[in-house]
Amino acid sequence: MPGQPEGAARVAQQVRAALEAADLSAFGDLLDAEVQWGAPGAPFPVCRNREQVLSWYRHGRDAGLRARVSEVSVHGDRVLVGLRARPAGPGSRPPAGTCPVGGARGPAGR
């Protein structure tokens, strides 16, 4: 999608809407198959494909965490997503051995 900033901006809005609605099906449809997701600045993001990102999100939700979108920005044909995780209740904690909250990097759409 290089050269089409309006397309990437539209995808960014759809990503925000899907995450704010906790609609993993819609979110997954927007992720590139080779998306990379991890802590900001990580040279090797822990999640390196769509299924790993969705698994991370499901595990967090199942562990009682809720994510709030803190930012969504477009960088060329990539969308950066910032999330803030918070416990939904007492005893909620991040799932062990899964991807950290951070950004999604990958082509903005397919």
Foldseek 3Di string as FASTA:
>chain_A
DFPCVVLLVVLLVQCLVCLVVVPLVSNLQQADQQKAFAAPPDPHFPDGGSVQVSVQSVQLVVLQKHKHWPDWDDDGQWIWTAIDIDGNDPRRDRDPPGGDGTTITDGRGD
